[in-house]
Amino acid sequence: MISRIDHVSIAVKDFEKAREFFMEILGAIPCTNAEDDNLKYYWEMFSVGDLSRMELLKATEEGSFLDSFLESRTNGAHHITVDTPDINQFREMLEEKGVPYFGFREASDNWKELFIHPRDAFGILIQVAELNSDDWLSDAVKFPPDQRWEIEKTADGANLVLAHPGGGKARFPFSREEIQNLINDLEMAM
């Protein structure tokens, strides 16, 4: 029912300092962002490495849903988001197992979500979402819709770069010998 962890979300007081840290130290690549006037917060998604993502959150004004979290912790992991292929099926499973959830909404065709409270999930807020991860990524870290792979020549072979089903690209280095073995295996499979 869960495809993978999509991202870890970190709430911070000094957004610019945190943004700079993650970009300079971890090489995080900014992807997409938005401000929510109702909940009074701003979020920005980042790619880290080939397949990992993180999100930074900040309150935009007093009365933000982040206020009590930031008062008690200053900064920290706010929630993890896991990807499900079918939010309604996952919700039914939670109901069958007696696991409470809240905040169920089908915001659009590319975003449906619900939350499991930290008291019911061993101390961490879990956001379960049905989504297309590529919708939230920078063009720099994903393929166009009609492309699933590319080859990057290296000094001793090549990198095979594949579109990952969870969004983004996965890079696999191959030596010349491994490339030949892969070609042979593909030919045998045909």
Protein backbone atom coordinates (compact mmCIF):
# COMPACT_ATOMS: atom_id res chain seq x y z
CA MET A 1 0.00 0.00 0.00
CA ILE A 2 3.01 2.30 0.43
CA SER A 3 5.34 2.82 -2.52
CA ARG A 4 8.07 4.67 -0.65
CA ILE A 5 8.90 7.58 1.60
CA ASP A 6 8.46 10.61 -0.63
CA HIS A 7 10.07 13.20 1.62
CA VAL A 8 10.95 14.32 5.13
CA SER A 9 9.60 17.71 6.13
CA ILE A 10 11.56 19.99 8.46
CA ALA A 11 10.00 23.02 10.16
CA VAL A 12 12.45 25.86 10.79
CA LYS A 13 12.45 29.35 12.27
CA ASP A 14 15.30 30.74 10.15
CA PHE A 15 14.25 29.60 6.70
CA GLU A 16 17.00 31.32 4.70
CA LYS A 17 19.74 29.95 6.95
CA ALA A 18 18.28 26.42 6.71
CA ARG A 19 17.83 26.72 2.93
CA GLU A 20 21.44 27.84 2.51
CA PHE A 21 22.71 25.01 4.76
CA PHE A 22 20.89 22.24 2.88
CA MET A 23 21.81 23.64 -0.53
CA GLU A 24 25.50 24.23 0.27
CA ILE A 25 26.18 21.24 2.54
CA LEU A 26 23.89 18.54 1.06
CA GLY A 27 23.65 19.89 -2.50
CA ALA A 28 19.86 20.20 -2.24
CA ILE A 29 18.25 21.43 -5.47
CA PRO A 30 15.18 23.67 -5.09
CA CYS A 31 12.17 22.22 -6.88
CA THR A 32 8.76 23.71 -6.17
CA ASN A 33 7.19 25.85 -3.48
CA ALA A 34 4.00 27.53 -2.38
CA GLU A 35 2.47 29.59 0.38
CA ASP A 36 -0.73 28.57 2.14
CA ASP A 37 -2.58 31.66 3.36
CA ASN A 38 -5.14 29.63 5.33
CA LEU A 39 -2.61 27.69 7.41
CA LYS A 40 -0.13 30.60 7.31
CA TYR A 41 2.97 28.80 6.17
CA TYR A 42 5.37 28.48 3.25
CA TRP A 43 6.88 25.24 1.96
CA GLU A 44 9.67 24.47 -0.47
CA MET A 45 10.59 21.06 -1.84
CA PHE A 46 14.21 20.04 -2.58
CA SER A 47 15.86 17.10 -4.34
CA VAL A 48 18.85 15.65 -2.52
CA GLY A 49 20.99 13.20 -4.48
CA ASP A 50 19.32 11.07 -7.13
CA LEU A 51 16.17 9.94 -5.36
CA SER A 52 15.77 11.68 -2.01
CA ARG A 53 13.62 14.67 -1.26
CA MET A 54 13.13 17.00 1.66
CA GLU A 55 10.81 19.88 2.37
CA LEU A 56 11.39 22.99 4.45
CA LEU A 57 8.46 24.67 6.21
CA LYS A 58 8.21 28.09 7.82
CA ALA A 59 5.42 30.06 9.45
CA THR A 60 4.50 33.16 7.46
CA GLU A 61 2.64 34.98 10.22
CA GLU A 62 1.35 34.59 13.75
CA GLY A 63 -1.39 32.01 14.01
CA SER A 64 0.33 29.52 11.71
CA PHE A 65 -0.35 25.84 12.30
CA LEU A 66 3.42 25.57 12.88
CA ASP A 67 3.45 27.95 15.90
CA SER A 68 3.14 25.37 18.69
CA PHE A 69 5.55 22.99 16.96
CA LEU A 70 8.22 25.68 16.57
CA GLU A 71 7.68 26.99 20.11
CA SER A 72 8.27 23.55 21.63
CA ARG A 73 11.14 22.43 19.37
CA THR A 74 12.60 25.52 17.65
CA ASN A 75 13.44 23.44 14.52
CA GLY A 76 13.00 19.81 13.62
CA ALA A 77 11.44 16.99 11.68
CA HIS A 78 7.78 17.90 11.36
CA HIS A 79 6.48 14.93 9.36
CA ILE A 80 7.31 12.26 6.82
CA THR A 81 5.28 11.87 3.66
CA VAL A 82 4.75 8.41 2.25
CA ASP A 83 3.42 7.74 -1.24
CA THR A 84 0.48 5.42 -1.83
CA PRO A 85 -0.89 4.42 -5.24
CA ASP A 86 -4.49 4.57 -3.90
CA ILE A 87 -5.38 6.89 -1.02
CA ASN A 88 -8.95 5.56 -0.74
CA GLN A 89 -7.78 1.96 -0.46
CA PHE A 90 -5.23 3.02 2.16
CA ARG A 91 -7.92 4.92 4.09
CA GLU A 92 -10.15 1.83 4.08
CA MET A 93 -7.27 -0.26 5.43
CA LEU A 94 -6.73 2.25 8.27
CA GLU A 95 -10.43 2.09 9.13
CA GLU A 96 -10.42 -1.73 9.09
CA LYS A 97 -7.42 -1.79 11.44
CA GLY A 98 -8.83 0.92 13.72
CA VAL A 99 -6.01 3.41 13.06
CA PRO A 100 -7.32 6.97 13.39
CA TYR A 101 -6.50 9.55 10.74
CA PHE A 102 -7.45 13.14 10.02
CA GLY A 103 -7.28 15.78 7.29
CA PHE A 104 -8.41 13.54 4.43
CA ARG A 105 -8.80 15.58 1.28
CA GLU A 106 -8.67 15.08 -2.45
CA ALA A 107 -7.21 18.46 -3.40
CA SER A 108 -6.71 17.62 -7.08
CA ASP A 109 -6.01 14.76 -9.45
CA ASN A 110 -2.32 14.97 -8.54
CA TRP A 111 -2.65 15.46 -4.75
CA LYS A 112 -4.76 13.46 -2.28
CA GLU A 113 -3.76 13.21 1.38
CA LEU A 114 -4.52 12.18 4.93
CA PHE A 115 -2.55 12.32 8.19
CA ILE A 116 -1.85 9.93 11.04
CA HIS A 117 -1.27 11.80 14.33
CA PRO A 118 2.07 11.35 16.15
CA ARG A 119 0.27 9.83 19.18
CA ASP A 120 -0.91 7.03 16.86
CA ALA A 121 2.38 6.69 14.92
CA PHE A 122 5.07 6.43 17.59
CA GLY A 123 5.91 10.12 17.79
CA ILE A 124 5.98 11.24 14.15
CA LEU A 125 3.27 12.88 12.07
CA ILE A 126 2.75 10.79 8.93
CA GLN A 127 1.28 12.33 5.81
CA VAL A 128 0.02 9.69 3.38
CA ALA A 129 -0.37 11.07 -0.15
CA GLU A 130 -1.41 9.84 -3.55
CA LEU A 131 0.71 11.87 -5.93
CA ASN A 132 2.86 11.97 -9.03
CA SER A 133 6.28 12.84 -7.61
CA ASP A 134 7.58 14.31 -10.86
CA ASP A 135 4.94 17.06 -10.54
CA TRP A 136 6.86 18.41 -7.53
CA LEU A 137 10.40 18.17 -8.93
CA SER A 138 12.61 20.60 -10.81
CA ASP A 139 13.12 19.88 -14.51
CA ALA A 140 16.83 19.60 -13.68
CA VAL A 141 16.28 16.32 -11.80
CA LYS A 142 13.66 14.58 -13.94
CA PHE A 143 13.17 13.40 -17.51
CA PRO A 144 10.63 14.82 -19.94
CA PRO A 145 7.43 12.70 -19.96
CA ASP A 146 8.39 10.79 -23.13
CA GLN A 147 11.93 9.85 -21.99
CA ARG A 148 12.79 7.01 -19.61
CA TRP A 149 16.58 6.73 -19.84
CA GLU A 150 19.80 8.30 -21.02
CA ILE A 151 23.42 7.21 -21.30
CA GLU A 152 26.30 9.35 -20.01
CA LYS A 153 29.74 8.39 -21.31
CA THR A 154 32.48 8.23 -18.66
CA ALA A 155 36.24 7.65 -18.84
CA ASP A 156 35.91 3.94 -17.99
CA GLY A 157 32.40 3.11 -19.18
CA ALA A 158 29.05 4.86 -18.86
CA ASN A 159 26.30 5.85 -16.49
CA LEU A 160 22.89 4.40 -17.24
CA VAL A 161 20.37 6.98 -16.02
CA LEU A 162 16.80 5.71 -15.61
CA ALA A 163 13.52 7.43 -14.80
CA HIS A 164 12.63 6.25 -11.31
CA PRO A 165 9.00 5.19 -10.75
CA GLY A 166 8.97 7.36 -7.62
CA GLY A 167 10.05 10.44 -9.56
CA GLY A 168 13.42 11.76 -10.56
CA LYS A 169 16.39 9.91 -12.00
CA ALA A 170 18.46 6.98 -10.79
CA ARG A 171 22.09 6.89 -11.96
CA PHE A 172 23.96 3.58 -12.30
CA PRO A 173 27.69 3.56 -13.21
CA PHE A 174 28.82 0.67 -15.43
CA SER A 175 32.31 -0.41 -16.48
CA ARG A 176 32.91 -1.33 -20.12
CA GLU A 177 32.69 -5.02 -19.22
CA GLU A 178 29.40 -4.54 -17.36
CA ILE A 179 27.99 -2.62 -20.35
CA GLN A 180 28.83 -5.52 -22.66
CA ASN A 181 27.25 -7.99 -20.21
CA LEU A 182 24.13 -5.83 -20.04
CA ILE A 183 23.92 -5.66 -23.84
CA ASN A 184 24.26 -9.46 -24.00
CA ASP A 185 21.57 -9.94 -21.34
CA LEU A 186 19.20 -7.56 -23.15
CA GLU A 187 19.77 -9.36 -26.46
CA MET A 188 19.04 -12.72 -24.78
CA ALA A 189 15.84 -11.33 -23.31
CA MET A 190 14.64 -10.27 -26.76
